Amino acid sequence: MGKYCEICAKGKMSGHKVSHSNRKTNRIWAPNVQSVRVIIGGTPMRINVCTRCLRSGYVQRAMPAMKAPVAEAAAEE
């Protein structure tokens, strides 16, 4: 379950590792999956997302609740 993107359904791929003598052994390629916090339906949840989906903007990360220093400065004026 850890090497599976819940956005684009990218998962493990299998194939052969080919040596110099052309012997083939089985191997697995896994996507670069990160666990991120996102807001789904107003609730923060943790989902597994590949880095391609993170870079392309398919996923909006949930940021911790912080006060913006610009908003505080504008309120004081």
N, C-alpha and C. Protein backbone atom coordinates (compact mmCIF):
# COMPACT_ATOMS: atom_id res chain seq x y z
N MET A 1 0.82 -1.20 0.00
CA MET A 1 0.00 0.00 0.00
C MET A 1 0.86 1.26 0.00
N GLY A 2 2.08 1.18 0.53
CA GLY A 2 2.91 2.36 0.65
C GLY A 2 3.46 2.86 -0.67
N LYS A 3 3.64 2.00 -1.66
CA LYS A 3 4.19 2.41 -2.94
C LYS A 3 3.10 2.52 -3.99
N TYR A 4 2.04 3.30 -3.67
CA TYR A 4 0.89 3.45 -4.55
C TYR A 4 0.37 4.88 -4.42
N CYS A 5 0.25 5.58 -5.56
CA CYS A 5 -0.27 6.95 -5.55
C CYS A 5 -1.79 6.90 -5.58
N GLU A 6 -2.43 7.56 -4.62
CA GLU A 6 -3.88 7.55 -4.53
C GLU A 6 -4.53 8.57 -5.46
N ILE A 7 -3.74 9.38 -6.17
CA ILE A 7 -4.28 10.36 -7.11
C ILE A 7 -4.29 9.80 -8.52
N CYS A 8 -3.13 9.35 -9.01
CA CYS A 8 -3.03 8.88 -10.40
C CYS A 8 -2.97 7.37 -10.51
N ALA A 9 -3.06 6.64 -9.41
CA ALA A 9 -3.05 5.17 -9.37
C ALA A 9 -1.75 4.58 -9.91
N LYS A 10 -0.66 5.33 -9.78
CA LYS A 10 0.64 4.81 -10.20
C LYS A 10 1.14 3.85 -9.13
N GLY A 11 1.60 2.69 -9.54
CA GLY A 11 2.06 1.68 -8.59
C GLY A 11 3.37 1.05 -9.03
N LYS A 12 3.68 -0.09 -8.45
CA LYS A 12 4.92 -0.79 -8.77
C LYS A 12 4.85 -1.35 -10.19
N MET A 13 6.02 -1.40 -10.84
CA MET A 13 6.15 -2.04 -12.15
C MET A 13 7.23 -3.10 -12.02
N SER A 14 7.06 -4.19 -12.74
CA SER A 14 8.06 -5.25 -12.67
C SER A 14 8.71 -5.43 -14.02
N GLY A 15 9.90 -6.01 -13.99
CA GLY A 15 10.65 -6.25 -15.22
C GLY A 15 11.86 -7.10 -14.91
N HIS A 16 12.86 -6.99 -15.76
CA HIS A 16 14.08 -7.77 -15.59
C HIS A 16 15.28 -6.86 -15.43
N LYS A 17 16.18 -7.27 -14.54
CA LYS A 17 17.50 -6.67 -14.48
C LYS A 17 18.37 -7.51 -15.40
N VAL A 18 19.00 -6.87 -16.39
CA VAL A 18 19.77 -7.61 -17.38
C VAL A 18 21.25 -7.37 -17.13
N SER A 19 21.99 -8.44 -16.89
CA SER A 19 23.42 -8.33 -16.62
C SER A 19 24.20 -8.22 -17.93
N HIS A 20 25.50 -8.06 -17.79
CA HIS A 20 26.37 -7.96 -18.97
C HIS A 20 26.33 -9.24 -19.79
N SER A 21 26.17 -10.38 -19.13
CA SER A 21 26.09 -11.65 -19.85
C SER A 21 24.67 -11.97 -20.33
N ASN A 22 23.77 -10.98 -20.22
CA ASN A 22 22.40 -11.07 -20.70
C ASN A 22 21.54 -12.04 -19.89
N ARG A 23 21.93 -12.31 -18.64
CA ARG A 23 21.07 -13.09 -17.74
C ARG A 23 20.02 -12.14 -17.16
N LYS A 24 18.82 -12.64 -17.03
CA LYS A 24 17.72 -11.79 -16.57
C LYS A 24 17.23 -12.25 -15.21
N THR A 25 17.16 -11.31 -14.28
CA THR A 25 16.60 -11.58 -12.96
C THR A 25 15.47 -10.58 -12.73
N ASN A 26 14.49 -10.98 -11.96
CA ASN A 26 13.33 -10.13 -11.71
C ASN A 26 13.69 -8.96 -10.81
N ARG A 27 13.06 -7.83 -11.06
CA ARG A 27 13.22 -6.66 -10.21
C ARG A 27 11.96 -5.83 -10.25
N ILE A 28 11.87 -4.83 -9.39
CA ILE A 28 10.68 -3.99 -9.27
C ILE A 28 11.10 -2.52 -9.30
N TRP A 29 10.36 -1.71 -10.04
CA TRP A 29 10.51 -0.27 -10.02
C TRP A 29 9.32 0.30 -9.24
N ALA A 30 9.61 1.13 -8.26
CA ALA A 30 8.54 1.71 -7.44
C ALA A 30 8.54 3.23 -7.61
N PRO A 31 7.36 3.85 -7.64
CA PRO A 31 7.30 5.31 -7.76
C PRO A 31 7.74 5.98 -6.45
N ASN A 32 8.13 7.23 -6.56
CA ASN A 32 8.53 8.01 -5.40
C ASN A 32 7.26 8.54 -4.74
N VAL A 33 6.80 7.86 -3.70
CA VAL A 33 5.53 8.18 -3.05
C VAL A 33 5.80 8.84 -1.70
N GLN A 34 5.12 9.95 -1.45
CA GLN A 34 5.25 10.68 -0.19
C GLN A 34 3.89 10.70 0.51
N SER A 35 3.90 10.69 1.82
CA SER A 35 2.68 10.83 2.60
C SER A 35 2.49 12.30 2.93
N VAL A 36 1.39 12.90 2.44
CA VAL A 36 1.15 14.32 2.64
C VAL A 36 -0.21 14.54 3.26
N ARG A 37 -0.36 15.68 3.94
CA ARG A 37 -1.65 16.07 4.50
C ARG A 37 -2.38 16.93 3.49
N VAL A 38 -3.61 16.55 3.18
CA VAL A 38 -4.45 17.32 2.27
C VAL A 38 -5.81 17.51 2.92
N ILE A 39 -6.55 18.50 2.44
CA ILE A 39 -7.89 18.74 2.95
C ILE A 39 -8.88 18.18 1.94
N ILE A 40 -9.65 17.19 2.37
CA ILE A 40 -10.66 16.56 1.52
C ILE A 40 -12.00 16.71 2.23
N GLY A 41 -12.91 17.45 1.63
CA GLY A 41 -14.23 17.66 2.22
C GLY A 41 -14.16 18.44 3.52
N GLY A 42 -13.20 19.33 3.66
CA GLY A 42 -13.06 20.14 4.86
C GLY A 42 -12.33 19.45 6.00
N THR A 43 -11.91 18.20 5.80
CA THR A 43 -11.19 17.46 6.84
C THR A 43 -9.76 17.19 6.39
N PRO A 44 -8.77 17.47 7.22
CA PRO A 44 -7.40 17.12 6.84
C PRO A 44 -7.20 15.60 6.92
N MET A 45 -6.60 15.04 5.88
CA MET A 45 -6.33 13.60 5.83
C MET A 45 -4.91 13.39 5.33
N ARG A 46 -4.35 12.22 5.61
CA ARG A 46 -3.05 11.84 5.07
C ARG A 46 -3.27 10.85 3.93
N ILE A 47 -2.69 11.17 2.76
CA ILE A 47 -2.78 10.26 1.63
C ILE A 47 -1.39 10.08 1.03
N ASN A 48 -1.20 8.99 0.29
CA ASN A 48 0.06 8.72 -0.39
C ASN A 48 -0.03 9.30 -1.79
N VAL A 49 0.93 10.18 -2.13
CA VAL A 49 0.92 10.88 -3.41
C VAL A 49 2.31 10.81 -4.01
N CYS A 50 2.38 10.52 -5.33
CA CYS A 50 3.69 10.50 -6.00
C CYS A 50 4.17 11.94 -6.20
N THR A 51 5.46 12.10 -6.35
CA THR A 51 6.03 13.44 -6.46
C THR A 51 5.65 14.12 -7.76
N ARG A 52 5.31 13.37 -8.79
CA ARG A 52 4.86 13.98 -10.04
C ARG A 52 3.53 14.70 -9.83
N CYS A 53 2.62 14.10 -9.07
CA CYS A 53 1.34 14.76 -8.77
C CYS A 53 1.55 15.99 -7.89
N LEU A 54 2.50 15.92 -6.96
CA LEU A 54 2.79 17.08 -6.12
C LEU A 54 3.35 18.23 -6.94
N ARG A 55 4.27 17.93 -7.85
CA ARG A 55 4.88 18.98 -8.66
C ARG A 55 3.91 19.59 -9.64
N SER A 56 3.01 18.78 -10.19
CA SER A 56 2.10 19.28 -11.22
C SER A 56 0.94 20.07 -10.64
N GLY A 57 0.72 19.98 -9.34
CA GLY A 57 -0.34 20.76 -8.71
C GLY A 57 -1.67 20.05 -8.63
N TYR A 58 -1.70 18.75 -8.86
CA TYR A 58 -2.95 18.00 -8.72
C TYR A 58 -3.40 17.93 -7.26
N VAL A 59 -2.47 18.14 -6.33
CA VAL A 59 -2.76 18.00 -4.91
C VAL A 59 -2.48 19.34 -4.23
N GLN A 60 -3.42 19.81 -3.44
CA GLN A 60 -3.21 21.03 -2.65
C GLN A 60 -2.92 20.61 -1.22
N ARG A 61 -1.72 20.88 -0.76
CA ARG A 61 -1.32 20.48 0.59
C ARG A 61 -2.06 21.30 1.64
N ALA A 62 -2.30 20.68 2.77
CA ALA A 62 -2.93 21.38 3.90
C ALA A 62 -1.83 22.03 4.71
N MET A 63 -1.88 23.33 4.83
CA MET A 63 -0.87 24.07 5.58
C MET A 63 -1.33 24.20 7.03
N PRO A 64 -0.38 24.19 7.96
CA PRO A 64 -0.78 24.39 9.36
C PRO A 64 -1.36 25.78 9.56
N ALA A 65 -2.25 25.90 10.51
CA ALA A 65 -2.90 27.19 10.77
C ALA A 65 -1.88 28.14 11.37
N MET A 66 -1.54 29.16 10.60
CA MET A 66 -0.57 30.16 11.05
C MET A 66 -1.16 31.53 10.77
N LYS A 67 -0.76 32.50 11.57
CA LYS A 67 -1.16 33.87 11.31
C LYS A 67 -0.20 34.47 10.29
N ALA A 68 -0.77 35.11 9.29
CA ALA A 68 0.07 35.73 8.27
C ALA A 68 0.57 37.07 8.78
N PRO A 69 1.89 37.33 8.72
CA PRO A 69 2.41 38.60 9.23
C PRO A 69 1.91 39.79 8.40
N VAL A 70 1.59 39.60 7.13
CA VAL A 70 1.10 40.69 6.29
C VAL A 70 -0.30 41.07 6.73
N ALA A 71 -1.13 40.11 7.06
CA ALA A 71 -2.50 40.41 7.49
C ALA A 71 -2.51 41.14 8.82
N GLU A 72 -1.59 40.80 9.73
CA GLU A 72 -1.50 41.49 11.02
C GLU A 72 -1.07 42.93 10.84
N ALA A 73 -0.12 43.15 9.92
CA ALA A 73 0.36 44.53 9.69
C ALA A 73 -0.74 45.39 9.06
N ALA A 74 -1.54 44.81 8.18
CA ALA A 74 -2.62 45.56 7.54
C ALA A 74 -3.72 45.87 8.54
N ALA A 75 -3.95 45.01 9.51
CA ALA A 75 -5.00 45.22 10.50
C ALA A 75 -4.61 46.35 11.47
N GLU A 76 -3.32 46.52 11.73
CA GLU A 76 -2.87 47.54 12.66
C GLU A 76 -2.97 48.93 12.08
N GLU A 77 -2.90 49.07 10.76
CA GLU A 77 -2.90 50.40 10.14
C GLU A 77 -4.26 51.00 10.03
